[in-house]
Amino acid sequence: MRENVVSKSRHYGRLAFMSVVTACLLAFVFSQAAKGPAGIPAVVIYSFAAGFGLEFVCASWTGRERAGRRSSLPR
C-alpha cells in the first residue's frame, strides 16, 4: 500500500478508537449521574476525562480536514 493510505488509515483508526473511548466515558458519566448525589465525585472526574477526549476528537477531525485542504492548494 502507498504510504499516504497507511497514514490516513492510522489517523482514522486513532480517531475511531478515541471516539469509542470518549463515548464509553460519557455513558459512564450519565450512569453515575443517575445515582444522584452519591455519584457526584465520579461524574466530576469522568466528565473531565471525557472533555479531553472530546477535545482530542474535534481537533483531530478538523486538523485532518485542514491538512487535506492545504495539500490540494497549488504551490
N, C-alpha and C. Protein backbone atom coordinates (compact mmCIF):
# COMPACT_ATOMS: atom_id res chain seq x y z
N MET A 1 0.83 -1.18 0.00
CA MET A 1 0.00 0.00 0.00
C MET A 1 0.87 1.24 0.00
N ARG A 2 0.29 2.29 -0.49
CA ARG A 2 1.03 3.54 -0.51
C ARG A 2 1.11 4.12 0.90
N GLU A 3 2.13 4.91 1.12
CA GLU A 3 2.36 5.50 2.44
C GLU A 3 1.23 6.43 2.85
N ASN A 4 0.65 7.13 1.90
CA ASN A 4 -0.45 8.04 2.18
C ASN A 4 -1.68 7.28 2.69
N VAL A 5 -1.96 6.13 2.11
CA VAL A 5 -3.10 5.32 2.52
C VAL A 5 -2.88 4.79 3.94
N VAL A 6 -1.67 4.36 4.22
CA VAL A 6 -1.34 3.85 5.55
C VAL A 6 -1.46 4.96 6.58
N SER A 7 -0.98 6.14 6.25
CA SER A 7 -1.06 7.28 7.16
C SER A 7 -2.51 7.65 7.45
N LYS A 8 -3.34 7.70 6.43
CA LYS A 8 -4.76 8.02 6.64
C LYS A 8 -5.45 6.94 7.45
N SER A 9 -5.12 5.68 7.18
CA SER A 9 -5.73 4.58 7.93
C SER A 9 -5.37 4.66 9.41
N ARG A 10 -4.13 4.95 9.70
CA ARG A 10 -3.71 5.09 11.10
C ARG A 10 -4.43 6.26 11.77
N HIS A 11 -4.53 7.36 11.05
CA HIS A 11 -5.20 8.54 11.62
C HIS A 11 -6.66 8.23 11.93
N TYR A 12 -7.38 7.66 10.99
CA TYR A 12 -8.79 7.38 11.21
C TYR A 12 -8.99 6.25 12.21
N GLY A 13 -8.05 5.32 12.29
CA GLY A 13 -8.12 4.29 13.32
C GLY A 13 -7.97 4.88 14.71
N ARG A 14 -7.02 5.82 14.86
CA ARG A 14 -6.82 6.51 16.13
C ARG A 14 -8.06 7.34 16.48
N LEU A 15 -8.62 8.00 15.48
CA LEU A 15 -9.82 8.80 15.68
C LEU A 15 -11.00 7.93 16.12
N ALA A 16 -11.16 6.78 15.48
CA ALA A 16 -12.24 5.86 15.84
C ALA A 16 -12.06 5.32 17.26
N PHE A 17 -10.83 4.97 17.61
CA PHE A 17 -10.56 4.45 18.95
C PHE A 17 -10.87 5.50 20.01
N MET A 18 -10.40 6.72 19.80
CA MET A 18 -10.66 7.78 20.77
C MET A 18 -12.15 8.12 20.85
N SER A 19 -12.86 8.00 19.73
CA SER A 19 -14.31 8.24 19.74
C SER A 19 -15.02 7.19 20.58
N VAL A 20 -14.61 5.94 20.46
CA VAL A 20 -15.24 4.87 21.24
C VAL A 20 -14.94 5.04 22.73
N VAL A 21 -13.70 5.35 23.06
CA VAL A 21 -13.34 5.56 24.47
C VAL A 21 -14.11 6.74 25.05
N THR A 22 -14.21 7.82 24.30
CA THR A 22 -14.94 9.00 24.78
C THR A 22 -16.43 8.69 24.95
N ALA A 23 -16.99 7.93 24.03
CA ALA A 23 -18.40 7.55 24.16
C ALA A 23 -18.63 6.70 25.41
N CYS A 24 -17.70 5.80 25.69
CA CYS A 24 -17.81 4.98 26.90
C CYS A 24 -17.72 5.84 28.16
N LEU A 25 -16.81 6.81 28.15
CA LEU A 25 -16.70 7.72 29.29
C LEU A 25 -17.98 8.52 29.49
N LEU A 26 -18.56 9.00 28.40
CA LEU A 26 -19.81 9.75 28.52
C LEU A 26 -20.95 8.86 29.04
N ALA A 27 -21.00 7.63 28.59
CA ALA A 27 -22.02 6.70 29.10
C ALA A 27 -21.83 6.46 30.59
N PHE A 28 -20.58 6.34 31.02
CA PHE A 28 -20.30 6.15 32.44
C PHE A 28 -20.70 7.38 33.24
N VAL A 29 -20.47 8.56 32.70
CA VAL A 29 -20.87 9.80 33.38
C VAL A 29 -22.38 9.82 33.58
N PHE A 30 -23.13 9.49 32.55
CA PHE A 30 -24.59 9.50 32.68
C PHE A 30 -25.09 8.43 33.65
N SER A 31 -24.44 7.28 33.66
CA SER A 31 -24.88 6.24 34.59
C SER A 31 -24.58 6.63 36.03
N GLN A 32 -23.46 7.32 36.26
CA GLN A 32 -23.15 7.78 37.60
C GLN A 32 -24.06 8.94 38.02
N ALA A 33 -24.42 9.78 37.06
CA ALA A 33 -25.32 10.90 37.37
C ALA A 33 -26.70 10.40 37.77
N ALA A 34 -27.09 9.25 37.25
CA ALA A 34 -28.40 8.70 37.60
C ALA A 34 -28.45 8.20 39.04
N LYS A 35 -27.29 8.02 39.67
CA LYS A 35 -27.25 7.55 41.06
C LYS A 35 -27.55 8.67 42.05
N GLY A 36 -27.56 9.90 41.56
CA GLY A 36 -27.87 11.02 42.44
C GLY A 36 -26.62 11.59 43.09
N PRO A 37 -26.76 12.13 44.28
CA PRO A 37 -25.63 12.77 44.94
C PRO A 37 -24.44 11.85 45.22
N ALA A 38 -24.70 10.56 45.35
CA ALA A 38 -23.60 9.61 45.62
C ALA A 38 -22.65 9.49 44.43
N GLY A 39 -23.11 9.82 43.24
CA GLY A 39 -22.28 9.68 42.05
C GLY A 39 -21.56 10.94 41.63
N ILE A 40 -21.69 12.02 42.41
CA ILE A 40 -21.10 13.31 42.01
C ILE A 40 -19.58 13.25 41.83
N PRO A 41 -18.82 12.63 42.77
CA PRO A 41 -17.36 12.61 42.55
C PRO A 41 -16.96 11.90 41.24
N ALA A 42 -17.62 10.80 40.93
CA ALA A 42 -17.31 10.08 39.69
C ALA A 42 -17.72 10.90 38.47
N VAL A 43 -18.84 11.61 38.57
CA VAL A 43 -19.29 12.45 37.46
C VAL A 43 -18.27 13.53 37.17
N VAL A 44 -17.74 14.17 38.19
CA VAL A 44 -16.76 15.23 38.01
C VAL A 44 -15.49 14.70 37.36
N ILE A 45 -14.98 13.60 37.87
CA ILE A 45 -13.72 13.06 37.36
C ILE A 45 -13.87 12.55 35.93
N TYR A 46 -14.91 11.77 35.67
CA TYR A 46 -15.07 11.21 34.32
C TYR A 46 -15.53 12.25 33.31
N SER A 47 -16.22 13.29 33.76
CA SER A 47 -16.57 14.39 32.84
C SER A 47 -15.31 15.11 32.38
N PHE A 48 -14.38 15.29 33.29
CA PHE A 48 -13.11 15.93 32.96
C PHE A 48 -12.36 15.10 31.91
N ALA A 49 -12.31 13.79 32.10
CA ALA A 49 -11.64 12.91 31.13
C ALA A 49 -12.37 12.90 29.79
N ALA A 50 -13.70 12.87 29.83
CA ALA A 50 -14.48 12.88 28.59
C ALA A 50 -14.30 14.19 27.85
N GLY A 51 -14.15 15.29 28.57
CA GLY A 51 -13.91 16.58 27.95
C GLY A 51 -12.61 16.59 27.15
N PHE A 52 -11.57 16.01 27.73
CA PHE A 52 -10.31 15.90 26.99
C PHE A 52 -10.46 15.01 25.76
N GLY A 53 -11.23 13.93 25.90
CA GLY A 53 -11.47 13.05 24.75
C GLY A 53 -12.22 13.75 23.64
N LEU A 54 -13.24 14.52 24.01
CA LEU A 54 -14.00 15.27 23.00
C LEU A 54 -13.12 16.31 22.31
N GLU A 55 -12.28 16.97 23.09
CA GLU A 55 -11.38 17.97 22.50
C GLU A 55 -10.40 17.32 21.53
N PHE A 56 -9.88 16.14 21.89
CA PHE A 56 -8.96 15.43 21.01
C PHE A 56 -9.65 15.03 19.72
N VAL A 57 -10.86 14.50 19.83
CA VAL A 57 -11.59 14.06 18.64
C VAL A 57 -11.90 15.25 17.73
N CYS A 58 -12.36 16.34 18.31
CA CYS A 58 -12.67 17.54 17.50
C CYS A 58 -11.41 18.09 16.83
N ALA A 59 -10.33 18.17 17.56
CA ALA A 59 -9.09 18.70 17.00
C ALA A 59 -8.54 17.78 15.91
N SER A 60 -8.63 16.49 16.12
CA SER A 60 -8.13 15.54 15.11
C SER A 60 -8.99 15.59 13.85
N TRP A 61 -10.30 15.69 14.03
CA TRP A 61 -11.19 15.70 12.88
C TRP A 61 -10.97 16.95 12.03
N THR A 62 -10.96 18.11 12.65
CA THR A 62 -10.78 19.34 11.89
C THR A 62 -9.35 19.49 11.40
N GLY A 63 -8.39 18.97 12.15
CA GLY A 63 -7.00 19.03 11.71
C GLY A 63 -6.77 18.24 10.44
N ARG A 64 -7.44 17.13 10.31
CA ARG A 64 -7.29 16.29 9.11
C ARG A 64 -7.91 16.99 7.91
N GLU A 65 -9.06 17.63 8.12
CA GLU A 65 -9.70 18.35 7.01
C GLU A 65 -8.86 19.53 6.55
N ARG A 66 -8.30 20.26 7.51
CA ARG A 66 -7.45 21.41 7.15
C ARG A 66 -6.20 20.96 6.42
N ALA A 67 -5.62 19.86 6.86
CA ALA A 67 -4.41 19.36 6.20
C ALA A 67 -4.72 18.94 4.77
N GLY A 68 -5.91 18.36 4.55
CA GLY A 68 -6.31 17.96 3.20
C GLY A 68 -6.52 19.15 2.30
N ARG A 69 -7.08 20.21 2.84
CA ARG A 69 -7.30 21.42 2.04
C ARG A 69 -5.98 22.08 1.68
N ARG A 70 -5.06 22.12 2.62
CA ARG A 70 -3.77 22.76 2.36
C ARG A 70 -2.99 22.03 1.27
N SER A 71 -3.05 20.69 1.32
CA SER A 71 -2.27 19.93 0.36
C SER A 71 -2.83 20.03 -1.06
N SER A 72 -4.12 20.38 -1.18
CA SER A 72 -4.73 20.47 -2.50
C SER A 72 -4.51 21.82 -3.17
N LEU A 73 -4.01 22.79 -2.41
CA LEU A 73 -3.77 24.10 -2.98
C LEU A 73 -2.51 24.09 -3.85
N PRO A 74 -2.54 24.79 -4.96
CA PRO A 74 -1.34 24.85 -5.78
C PRO A 74 -0.23 25.66 -5.09
N ARG A 75 0.99 25.26 -5.30
CA ARG A 75 2.11 25.95 -4.67
C ARG A 75 2.90 26.71 -5.68
